[in-house]
Amino acid sequence: MPHTLNGNDAIGKAQTGTGKTAAFLITIFNDLLNHPIEGERYLGEPRAVIIAPTRELVMQIASDAEELGRFTD
């Protein structure tokens, strides 16, 4: 994670349940929290985009993001 927390890209392959989703979500949350909005923005304007190959994976990532995000302000 230090690699991605420094703003670098990463690619990885691992078995289910090893924390791949958490690793990139934590990096995104860290960046969003450390760089708050400073100017006027449109309601609903995205600050991050996550793309996944299937709807099921998108739903799983969204659920994981909600769980991890509930611990932020």
PDB file of N, CA and C in Angstrom:
ATOM      1  N   MET A   1       0.786  -1.201   0.000  1.00  0.00           N
ATOM      2  CA  MET A   1       0.000   0.000   0.000  1.00  0.00           C
ATOM      3  C   MET A   1       0.836   1.277   0.000  1.00  0.00           C
ATOM      4  N   PRO A   2       2.012   1.309   0.578  1.00  0.00           N
ATOM      5  CA  PRO A   2       2.793   2.552   0.507  1.00  0.00           C
ATOM      6  C   PRO A   2       3.008   3.007  -0.936  1.00  0.00           C
ATOM      7  N   HIS A   3       3.146   2.065  -1.838  1.00  0.00           N
ATOM      8  CA  HIS A   3       3.357   2.379  -3.256  1.00  0.00           C
ATOM      9  C   HIS A   3       2.175   3.172  -3.814  1.00  0.00           C
ATOM     10  N   THR A   4       0.960   2.695  -3.562  1.00  0.00           N
ATOM     11  CA  THR A   4      -0.220   3.386  -4.078  1.00  0.00           C
ATOM     12  C   THR A   4      -0.552   4.632  -3.269  1.00  0.00           C
ATOM     13  N   LEU A   5      -0.256   4.632  -1.980  1.00  0.00           N
ATOM     14  CA  LEU A   5      -0.493   5.829  -1.173  1.00  0.00           C
ATOM     15  C   LEU A   5       0.390   6.981  -1.628  1.00  0.00           C
ATOM     16  N   ASN A   6       1.498   6.669  -2.269  1.00  0.00           N
ATOM     17  CA  ASN A   6       2.375   7.701  -2.825  1.00  0.00           C
ATOM     18  C   ASN A   6       1.908   8.164  -4.199  1.00  0.00           C
ATOM     19  N   GLY A   7       0.766   7.644  -4.669  1.00  0.00           N
ATOM     20  CA  GLY A   7       0.205   8.088  -5.939  1.00  0.00           C
ATOM     21  C   GLY A   7       0.599   7.253  -7.133  1.00  0.00           C
ATOM     22  N   ASN A   8       1.274   6.150  -6.900  1.00  0.00           N
ATOM     23  CA  ASN A   8       1.701   5.284  -7.997  1.00  0.00           C
ATOM     24  C   ASN A   8       0.619   4.270  -8.344  1.00  0.00           C
ATOM     25  N   ASP A   9       0.596   3.838  -9.585  1.00  0.00           N
ATOM     26  CA  ASP A   9      -0.336   2.812 -10.031  1.00  0.00           C
ATOM     27  C   ASP A   9       0.159   1.444  -9.585  1.00  0.00           C
ATOM     28  N   ALA A  10      -0.780   0.517  -9.482  1.00  0.00           N
ATOM     29  CA  ALA A  10      -0.422  -0.851  -9.117  1.00  0.00           C
ATOM     30  C   ALA A  10      -1.360  -1.807  -9.836  1.00  0.00           C
ATOM     31  N   ILE A  11      -0.881  -2.992 -10.071  1.00  0.00           N
ATOM     32  CA  ILE A  11      -1.696  -4.056 -10.633  1.00  0.00           C
ATOM     33  C   ILE A  11      -1.359  -5.315  -9.847  1.00  0.00           C
ATOM     34  N   GLY A  12      -2.355  -6.114  -9.586  1.00  0.00           N
ATOM     35  CA  GLY A  12      -2.095  -7.302  -8.797  1.00  0.00           C
ATOM     36  C   GLY A  12      -3.077  -8.406  -9.114  1.00  0.00           C
ATOM     37  N   LYS A  13      -2.707  -9.589  -8.704  1.00  0.00           N
ATOM     38  CA  LYS A  13      -3.549 -10.761  -8.906  1.00  0.00           C
ATOM     39  C   LYS A  13      -3.436 -11.601  -7.644  1.00  0.00           C
ATOM     40  N   ALA A  14      -4.573 -11.942  -7.068  1.00  0.00           N
ATOM     41  CA  ALA A  14      -4.566 -12.747  -5.851  1.00  0.00           C
ATOM     42  C   ALA A  14      -5.913 -13.440  -5.712  1.00  0.00           C
ATOM     43  N   GLN A  15      -5.963 -14.399  -4.820  1.00  0.00           N
ATOM     44  CA  GLN A  15      -7.187 -15.155  -4.607  1.00  0.00           C
ATOM     45  C   GLN A  15      -8.239 -14.296  -3.915  1.00  0.00           C
ATOM     46  N   THR A  16      -9.480 -14.748  -3.986  1.00  0.00           N
ATOM     47  CA  THR A  16     -10.599 -14.080  -3.335  1.00  0.00           C
ATOM     48  C   THR A  16     -10.354 -13.992  -1.832  1.00  0.00           C
ATOM     49  N   GLY A  17     -10.704 -12.823  -1.271  1.00  0.00           N
ATOM     50  CA  GLY A  17     -10.606 -12.652   0.172  1.00  0.00           C
ATOM     51  C   GLY A  17      -9.260 -12.194   0.679  1.00  0.00           C
ATOM     52  N   THR A  18      -8.384 -11.757  -0.216  1.00  0.00           N
ATOM     53  CA  THR A  18      -7.043 -11.355   0.214  1.00  0.00           C
ATOM     54  C   THR A  18      -6.902  -9.854   0.424  1.00  0.00           C
ATOM     55  N   GLY A  19      -7.946  -9.075   0.160  1.00  0.00           N
ATOM     56  CA  GLY A  19      -7.913  -7.643   0.435  1.00  0.00           C
ATOM     57  C   GLY A  19      -7.590  -6.739  -0.733  1.00  0.00           C
ATOM     58  N   LYS A  20      -7.714  -7.252  -1.953  1.00  0.00           N
ATOM     59  CA  LYS A  20      -7.410  -6.417  -3.132  1.00  0.00           C
ATOM     60  C   LYS A  20      -8.319  -5.190  -3.181  1.00  0.00           C
ATOM     61  N   THR A  21      -9.609  -5.405  -3.004  1.00  0.00           N
ATOM     62  CA  THR A  21     -10.557  -4.291  -3.070  1.00  0.00           C
ATOM     63  C   THR A  21     -10.284  -3.292  -1.958  1.00  0.00           C
ATOM     64  N   ALA A  22     -10.073  -3.769  -0.752  1.00  0.00           N
ATOM     65  CA  ALA A  22      -9.781  -2.869   0.373  1.00  0.00           C
ATOM     66  C   ALA A  22      -8.519  -2.065   0.111  1.00  0.00           C
ATOM     67  N   ALA A  23      -7.523  -2.675  -0.489  1.00  0.00           N
ATOM     68  CA  ALA A  23      -6.259  -1.970  -0.743  1.00  0.00           C
ATOM     69  C   ALA A  23      -6.467  -0.759  -1.641  1.00  0.00           C
ATOM     70  N   PHE A  24      -7.238  -0.894  -2.722  1.00  0.00           N
ATOM     71  CA  PHE A  24      -7.404   0.278  -3.584  1.00  0.00           C
ATOM     72  C   PHE A  24      -8.456   1.240  -3.036  1.00  0.00           C
ATOM     73  N   LEU A  25      -9.468   0.733  -2.307  1.00  0.00           N
ATOM     74  CA  LEU A  25     -10.452   1.641  -1.718  1.00  0.00           C
ATOM     75  C   LEU A  25      -9.826   2.497  -0.621  1.00  0.00           C
ATOM     76  N   ILE A  26      -8.983   1.904   0.203  1.00  0.00           N
ATOM     77  CA  ILE A  26      -8.312   2.667   1.261  1.00  0.00           C
ATOM     78  C   ILE A  26      -7.434   3.745   0.648  1.00  0.00           C
ATOM     79  N   THR A  27      -6.758   3.420  -0.442  1.00  0.00           N
ATOM     80  CA  THR A  27      -5.926   4.409  -1.133  1.00  0.00           C
ATOM     81  C   THR A  27      -6.782   5.559  -1.664  1.00  0.00           C
ATOM     82  N   ILE A  28      -7.936   5.242  -2.242  1.00  0.00           N
ATOM     83  CA  ILE A  28      -8.837   6.282  -2.754  1.00  0.00           C
ATOM     84  C   ILE A  28      -9.359   7.144  -1.609  1.00  0.00           C
ATOM     85  N   PHE A  29      -9.843   6.510  -0.534  1.00  0.00           N
ATOM     86  CA  PHE A  29     -10.347   7.274   0.611  1.00  0.00           C
ATOM     87  C   PHE A  29      -9.256   8.168   1.192  1.00  0.00           C
ATOM     88  N   ASN A  30      -8.055   7.645   1.300  1.00  0.00           N
ATOM     89  CA  ASN A  30      -6.931   8.426   1.824  1.00  0.00           C
ATOM     90  C   ASN A  30      -6.706   9.677   0.978  1.00  0.00           C
ATOM     91  N   ASP A  31      -6.712   9.513  -0.326  1.00  0.00           N
ATOM     92  CA  ASP A  31      -6.491  10.651  -1.220  1.00  0.00           C
ATOM     93  C   ASP A  31      -7.640  11.660  -1.123  1.00  0.00           C
ATOM     94  N   LEU A  32      -8.872  11.182  -1.091  1.00  0.00           N
ATOM     95  CA  LEU A  32     -10.024  12.080  -1.001  1.00  0.00           C
ATOM     96  C   LEU A  32     -10.031  12.855   0.315  1.00  0.00           C
ATOM     97  N   LEU A  33      -9.700  12.177   1.409  1.00  0.00           N
ATOM     98  CA  LEU A  33      -9.713  12.833   2.715  1.00  0.00           C
ATOM     99  C   LEU A  33      -8.553  13.807   2.885  1.00  0.00           C
ATOM    100  N   ASN A  34      -7.420  13.518   2.260  1.00  0.00           N
ATOM    101  CA  ASN A  34      -6.254  14.399   2.379  1.00  0.00           C
ATOM    102  C   ASN A  34      -6.264  15.550   1.386  1.00  0.00           C
ATOM    103  N   HIS A  35      -7.181  15.519   0.432  1.00  0.00           N
ATOM    104  CA  HIS A  35      -7.305  16.593  -0.558  1.00  0.00           C
ATOM    105  C   HIS A  35      -8.768  17.020  -0.642  1.00  0.00           C
ATOM    106  N   PRO A  36      -9.241  17.770   0.374  1.00  0.00           N
ATOM    107  CA  PRO A  36     -10.651  18.173   0.383  1.00  0.00           C
ATOM    108  C   PRO A  36     -10.993  19.110  -0.770  1.00  0.00           C
ATOM    109  N   ILE A  37     -12.268  19.206  -1.047  1.00  0.00           N
ATOM    110  CA  ILE A  37     -12.763  20.077  -2.115  1.00  0.00           C
ATOM    111  C   ILE A  37     -12.493  21.527  -1.726  1.00  0.00           C
ATOM    112  N   GLU A  38     -11.873  22.273  -2.614  1.00  0.00           N
ATOM    113  CA  GLU A  38     -11.535  23.666  -2.320  1.00  0.00           C
ATOM    114  C   GLU A  38     -12.357  24.660  -3.126  1.00  0.00           C
ATOM    115  N   GLY A  39     -12.951  24.227  -4.203  1.00  0.00           N
ATOM    116  CA  GLY A  39     -13.721  25.141  -5.044  1.00  0.00           C
ATOM    117  C   GLY A  39     -15.160  24.699  -5.162  1.00  0.00           C
ATOM    118  N   GLU A  40     -15.914  25.451  -5.930  1.00  0.00           N
ATOM    119  CA  GLU A  40     -17.310  25.113  -6.158  1.00  0.00           C
ATOM    120  C   GLU A  40     -17.397  23.896  -7.074  1.00  0.00           C
ATOM    121  N   ARG A  41     -18.274  22.970  -6.721  1.00  0.00           N
ATOM    122  CA  ARG A  41     -18.455  21.763  -7.516  1.00  0.00           C
ATOM    123  C   ARG A  41     -19.942  21.539  -7.743  1.00  0.00           C
ATOM    124  N   TYR A  42     -20.253  20.785  -8.767  1.00  0.00           N
ATOM    125  CA  TYR A  42     -21.634  20.416  -9.050  1.00  0.00           C
ATOM    126  C   TYR A  42     -22.058  19.286  -8.118  1.00  0.00           C
ATOM    127  N   LEU A  43     -23.317  19.279  -7.722  1.00  0.00           N
ATOM    128  CA  LEU A  43     -23.851  18.220  -6.889  1.00  0.00           C
ATOM    129  C   LEU A  43     -23.679  16.880  -7.602  1.00  0.00           C
ATOM    130  N   GLY A  44     -23.084  15.924  -6.947  1.00  0.00           N
ATOM    131  CA  GLY A  44     -22.886  14.607  -7.526  1.00  0.00           C
ATOM    132  C   GLY A  44     -21.682  14.476  -8.432  1.00  0.00           C
ATOM    133  N   GLU A  45     -20.868  15.525  -8.523  1.00  0.00           N
ATOM    134  CA  GLU A  45     -19.678  15.474  -9.381  1.00  0.00           C
ATOM    135  C   GLU A  45     -18.677  14.468  -8.799  1.00  0.00           C
ATOM    136  N   PRO A  46     -18.253  13.483  -9.577  1.00  0.00           N
ATOM    137  CA  PRO A  46     -17.365  12.442  -9.048  1.00  0.00           C
ATOM    138  C   PRO A  46     -15.950  12.944  -8.781  1.00  0.00           C
ATOM    139  N   ARG A  47     -15.327  12.354  -7.776  1.00  0.00           N
ATOM    140  CA  ARG A  47     -13.918  12.631  -7.494  1.00  0.00           C
ATOM    141  C   ARG A  47     -13.072  11.388  -7.738  1.00  0.00           C
ATOM    142  N   ALA A  48     -13.729  10.266  -7.951  1.00  0.00           N
ATOM    143  CA  ALA A  48     -13.029   9.019  -8.266  1.00  0.00           C
ATOM    144  C   ALA A  48     -13.966   8.166  -9.111  1.00  0.00           C
ATOM    145  N   VAL A  49     -13.397   7.395 -10.005  1.00  0.00           N
ATOM    146  CA  VAL A  49     -14.180   6.487 -10.840  1.00  0.00           C
ATOM    147  C   VAL A  49     -13.556   5.100 -10.726  1.00  0.00           C
ATOM    148  N   ILE A  50     -14.386   4.128 -10.430  1.00  0.00           N
ATOM    149  CA  ILE A  50     -13.941   2.737 -10.343  1.00  0.00           C
ATOM    150  C   ILE A  50     -14.655   1.969 -11.447  1.00  0.00           C
ATOM    151  N   ILE A  51     -13.904   1.261 -12.251  1.00  0.00           N
ATOM    152  CA  ILE A  51     -14.466   0.498 -13.363  1.00  0.00           C
ATOM    153  C   ILE A  51     -14.208  -0.985 -13.113  1.00  0.00           C
ATOM    154  N   ALA A  52     -15.234  -1.796 -13.285  1.00  0.00           N
ATOM    155  CA  ALA A  52     -15.109  -3.238 -13.102  1.00  0.00           C
ATOM    156  C   ALA A  52     -15.774  -3.939 -14.284  1.00  0.00           C
ATOM    157  N   PRO A  53     -15.358  -5.173 -14.588  1.00  0.00           N
ATOM    158  CA  PRO A  53     -15.847  -5.855 -15.792  1.00  0.00           C
ATOM    159  C   PRO A  53     -17.269  -6.402 -15.717  1.00  0.00           C
ATOM    160  N   THR A  54     -17.827  -6.562 -14.512  1.00  0.00           N
ATOM    161  CA  THR A  54     -19.183  -7.107 -14.412  1.00  0.00           C
ATOM    162  C   THR A  54     -20.006  -6.305 -13.414  1.00  0.00           C
ATOM    163  N   ARG A  55     -21.320  -6.344 -13.597  1.00  0.00           N
ATOM    164  CA  ARG A  55     -22.217  -5.646 -12.678  1.00  0.00           C
ATOM    165  C   ARG A  55     -22.085  -6.215 -11.269  1.00  0.00           C
ATOM    166  N   GLU A  56     -21.956  -7.522 -11.158  1.00  0.00           N
ATOM    167  CA  GLU A  56     -21.842  -8.164  -9.856  1.00  0.00           C
ATOM    168  C   GLU A  56     -20.609  -7.663  -9.104  1.00  0.00           C
ATOM    169  N   LEU A  57     -19.504  -7.521  -9.814  1.00  0.00           N
ATOM    170  CA  LEU A  57     -18.289  -7.018  -9.180  1.00  0.00           C
ATOM    171  C   LEU A  57     -18.452  -5.552  -8.780  1.00  0.00           C
ATOM    172  N   VAL A  58     -19.126  -4.773  -9.614  1.00  0.00           N
ATOM    173  CA  VAL A  58     -19.398  -3.369  -9.279  1.00  0.00           C
ATOM    174  C   VAL A  58     -20.219  -3.294  -7.994  1.00  0.00           C
ATOM    175  N   MET A  59     -21.240  -4.123  -7.876  1.00  0.00           N
ATOM    176  CA  MET A  59     -22.081  -4.125  -6.678  1.00  0.00           C
ATOM    177  C   MET A  59     -21.281  -4.536  -5.447  1.00  0.00           C
ATOM    178  N   GLN A  60     -20.388  -5.504  -5.591  1.00  0.00           N
ATOM    179  CA  GLN A  60     -19.546  -5.946  -4.480  1.00  0.00           C
ATOM    180  C   GLN A  60     -18.603  -4.823  -4.048  1.00  0.00           C
ATOM    181  N   ILE A  61     -17.991  -4.145  -5.011  1.00  0.00           N
ATOM    182  CA  ILE A  61     -17.079  -3.040  -4.705  1.00  0.00           C
ATOM    183  C   ILE A  61     -17.844  -1.903  -4.028  1.00  0.00           C
ATOM    184  N   ALA A  62     -19.041  -1.591  -4.513  1.00  0.00           N
ATOM    185  CA  ALA A  62     -19.858  -0.533  -3.907  1.00  0.00           C
ATOM    186  C   ALA A  62     -20.191  -0.866  -2.456  1.00  0.00           C
ATOM    187  N   SER A  63     -20.537  -2.117  -2.203  1.00  0.00           N
ATOM    188  CA  SER A  63     -20.838  -2.552  -0.842  1.00  0.00           C
ATOM    189  C   SER A  63     -19.606  -2.430   0.052  1.00  0.00           C
ATOM    190  N   ASP A  64     -18.465  -2.875  -0.447  1.00  0.00           N
ATOM    191  CA  ASP A  64     -17.220  -2.769   0.320  1.00  0.00           C
ATOM    192  C   ASP A  64     -16.873  -1.308   0.594  1.00  0.00           C
ATOM    193  N   ALA A  65     -17.082  -0.439  -0.391  1.00  0.00           N
ATOM    194  CA  ALA A  65     -16.785   0.986  -0.227  1.00  0.00           C
ATOM    195  C   ALA A  65     -17.685   1.603   0.845  1.00  0.00           C
ATOM    196  N   GLU A  66     -18.950   1.226   0.855  1.00  0.00           N
ATOM    197  CA  GLU A  66     -19.860   1.740   1.881  1.00  0.00           C
ATOM    198  C   GLU A  66     -19.419   1.290   3.266  1.00  0.00           C
ATOM    199  N   GLU A  67     -19.014   0.032   3.393  1.00  0.00           N
ATOM    200  CA  GLU A  67     -18.555  -0.483   4.686  1.00  0.00           C
ATOM    201  C   GLU A  67     -17.293   0.242   5.160  1.00  0.00           C
ATOM    202  N   LEU A  68     -16.316   0.381   4.288  1.00  0.00           N
ATOM    203  CA  LEU A  68     -15.077   1.067   4.666  1.00  0.00           C
ATOM    204  C   LEU A  68     -15.309   2.558   4.888  1.00  0.00           C
ATOM    205  N   GLY A  69     -16.162   3.162   4.088  1.00  0.00           N
ATOM    206  CA  GLY A  69     -16.404   4.591   4.167  1.00  0.00           C
ATOM    207  C   GLY A  69     -17.168   5.030   5.399  1.00  0.00           C
ATOM    208  N   ARG A  70     -17.857   4.116   6.044  1.00  0.00           N
ATOM    209  CA  ARG A  70     -18.628   4.516   7.224  1.00  0.00           C
ATOM    210  C   ARG A  70     -17.735   4.904   8.391  1.00  0.00           C
ATOM    211  N   PHE A  71     -16.451   4.600   8.306  1.00  0.00           N
ATOM    212  CA  PHE A  71     -15.512   4.964   9.362  1.00  0.00           C
ATOM    213  C   PHE A  71     -14.823   6.300   9.095  1.00  0.00           C
ATOM    214  N   THR A  72     -15.234   6.998   8.043  1.00  0.00           N
ATOM    215  CA  THR A  72     -14.663   8.312   7.735  1.00  0.00           C
ATOM    216  C   THR A  72     -15.651   9.389   8.161  1.00  0.00           C
ATOM    217  N   ASP A  73     -15.176  10.604   8.239  1.00  0.00           N
ATOM    218  CA  ASP A  73     -16.059  11.720   8.638  1.00  0.00           C
ATOM    219  C   ASP A  73     -16.910  12.156   7.488  1.00  0.00           C
TER     220      ASP A  73
END
